[in-house]
Amino acid sequence: MKTIMLALLSVTAFACSLPAFAGPDWTVIERARAQKQTQAKQQAQASCAQKSNQATATSGAGGQQG
């Protein structure tokens, strides 16, 4: 009886540890990488637009200072 219980416990422990040996999920990693890239592009575009708006605000309506 003790041997059967130990065998079942071992099989259960092995079955629970299988996902750890499966390796990385590349589709999730690539999807996250693509989302990071789009976020970075949006932030860059937003900061560029903000700088452009500040430059036009400081230069006046005619585009000349002073």
C-alpha atoms as a PDB file:
ATOM      1  CA  MET A   1       0.000   0.000   0.000  1.00  0.00           C
ATOM      2  CA  LYS A   2       2.844   2.372   0.860  1.00  0.00           C
ATOM      3  CA  THR A   3       4.535   1.648  -2.494  1.00  0.00           C
ATOM      4  CA  ILE A   4       1.357   2.388  -4.478  1.00  0.00           C
ATOM      5  CA  MET A   5       0.838   5.658  -2.598  1.00  0.00           C
ATOM      6  CA  LEU A   6       4.444   6.691  -3.197  1.00  0.00           C
ATOM      7  CA  ALA A   7       4.142   5.844  -6.897  1.00  0.00           C
ATOM      8  CA  LEU A   8       0.947   7.901  -7.246  1.00  0.00           C
ATOM      9  CA  LEU A   9       2.534  10.798  -5.423  1.00  0.00           C
ATOM     10  CA  SER A  10       5.581  10.646  -7.700  1.00  0.00           C
ATOM     11  CA  VAL A  11       3.447  10.547 -10.848  1.00  0.00           C
ATOM     12  CA  THR A  12       1.389  13.486  -9.601  1.00  0.00           C
ATOM     13  CA  ALA A  13       4.508  15.523  -8.820  1.00  0.00           C
ATOM     14  CA  PHE A  14       5.957  14.753 -12.240  1.00  0.00           C
ATOM     15  CA  ALA A  15       2.706  15.681 -14.002  1.00  0.00           C
ATOM     16  CA  CYS A  16       2.575  19.000 -12.159  1.00  0.00           C
ATOM     17  CA  SER A  17       6.139  19.839 -13.122  1.00  0.00           C
ATOM     18  CA  LEU A  18       5.713  19.216 -16.868  1.00  0.00           C
ATOM     19  CA  PRO A  19       4.854  22.848 -17.739  1.00  0.00           C
ATOM     20  CA  ALA A  20       8.176  23.906 -16.235  1.00  0.00           C
ATOM     21  CA  PHE A  21       9.983  21.810 -18.829  1.00  0.00           C
ATOM     22  CA  ALA A  22       7.851  23.049 -21.728  1.00  0.00           C
ATOM     23  CA  GLY A  23       9.991  26.098 -22.467  1.00  0.00           C
ATOM     24  CA  PRO A  24       9.045  29.672 -23.304  1.00  0.00           C
ATOM     25  CA  ASP A  25       5.878  30.593 -25.153  1.00  0.00           C
ATOM     26  CA  TRP A  26       7.347  32.438 -28.129  1.00  0.00           C
ATOM     27  CA  THR A  27       4.026  33.769 -29.438  1.00  0.00           C
ATOM     28  CA  VAL A  28       3.373  35.593 -26.167  1.00  0.00           C
ATOM     29  CA  ILE A  29       6.920  36.967 -26.108  1.00  0.00           C
ATOM     30  CA  GLU A  30       6.705  38.245 -29.696  1.00  0.00           C
ATOM     31  CA  ARG A  31       3.270  39.787 -29.101  1.00  0.00           C
ATOM     32  CA  ALA A  32       4.571  41.643 -26.033  1.00  0.00           C
ATOM     33  CA  ARG A  33       7.618  42.822 -27.979  1.00  0.00           C
ATOM     34  CA  ALA A  34       5.419  44.188 -30.779  1.00  0.00           C
ATOM     35  CA  GLN A  35       3.209  46.011 -28.279  1.00  0.00           C
ATOM     36  CA  LYS A  36       6.272  47.586 -26.672  1.00  0.00           C
ATOM     37  CA  GLN A  37       7.483  48.785 -30.068  1.00  0.00           C
ATOM     38  CA  THR A  38       4.143  50.397 -30.914  1.00  0.00           C
ATOM     39  CA  GLN A  39       4.052  52.072 -27.502  1.00  0.00           C
ATOM     40  CA  ALA A  40       7.532  53.456 -28.025  1.00  0.00           C
ATOM     41  CA  LYS A  41       6.603  54.770 -31.485  1.00  0.00           C
ATOM     42  CA  GLN A  42       3.464  56.447 -30.132  1.00  0.00           C
ATOM     43  CA  GLN A  43       5.413  58.081 -27.317  1.00  0.00           C
ATOM     44  CA  ALA A  44       8.063  59.289 -29.745  1.00  0.00           C
ATOM     45  CA  GLN A  45       5.443  60.740 -32.082  1.00  0.00           C
ATOM     46  CA  ALA A  46       3.657  62.418 -29.177  1.00  0.00           C
ATOM     47  CA  SER A  47       6.834  64.018 -27.853  1.00  0.00           C
ATOM     48  CA  CYS A  48       7.825  65.127 -31.359  1.00  0.00           C
ATOM     49  CA  ALA A  49       4.407  66.716 -31.887  1.00  0.00           C
ATOM     50  CA  GLN A  50       4.623  68.399 -28.507  1.00  0.00           C
ATOM     51  CA  LYS A  51       8.039  69.869 -29.342  1.00  0.00           C
ATOM     52  CA  SER A  52       6.713  71.051 -32.704  1.00  0.00           C
ATOM     53  CA  ASN A  53       3.761  72.745 -31.024  1.00  0.00           C
ATOM     54  CA  GLN A  54       6.074  74.448 -28.536  1.00  0.00           C
ATOM     55  CA  ALA A  55       8.320  75.683 -31.349  1.00  0.00           C
ATOM     56  CA  THR A  56       5.384  77.220 -33.227  1.00  0.00           C
ATOM     57  CA  ALA A  57       4.035  78.794 -30.055  1.00  0.00           C
ATOM     58  CA  THR A  58       7.349  80.488 -29.270  1.00  0.00           C
ATOM     59  CA  SER A  59       8.035  81.647 -32.822  1.00  0.00           C
ATOM     60  CA  GLY A  60       4.717  83.482 -33.203  1.00  0.00           C
ATOM     61  CA  ALA A  61       2.049  83.387 -35.879  1.00  0.00           C
ATOM     62  CA  GLY A  62       4.254  84.567 -38.744  1.00  0.00           C
ATOM     63  CA  GLY A  63       6.998  82.090 -38.014  1.00  0.00           C
ATOM     64  CA  GLN A  64       9.434  84.846 -37.058  1.00  0.00           C
ATOM     65  CA  GLN A  65      10.607  85.765 -33.622  1.00  0.00           C
ATOM     66  CA  GLY A  66      10.499  89.257 -32.242  1.00  0.00           C
END
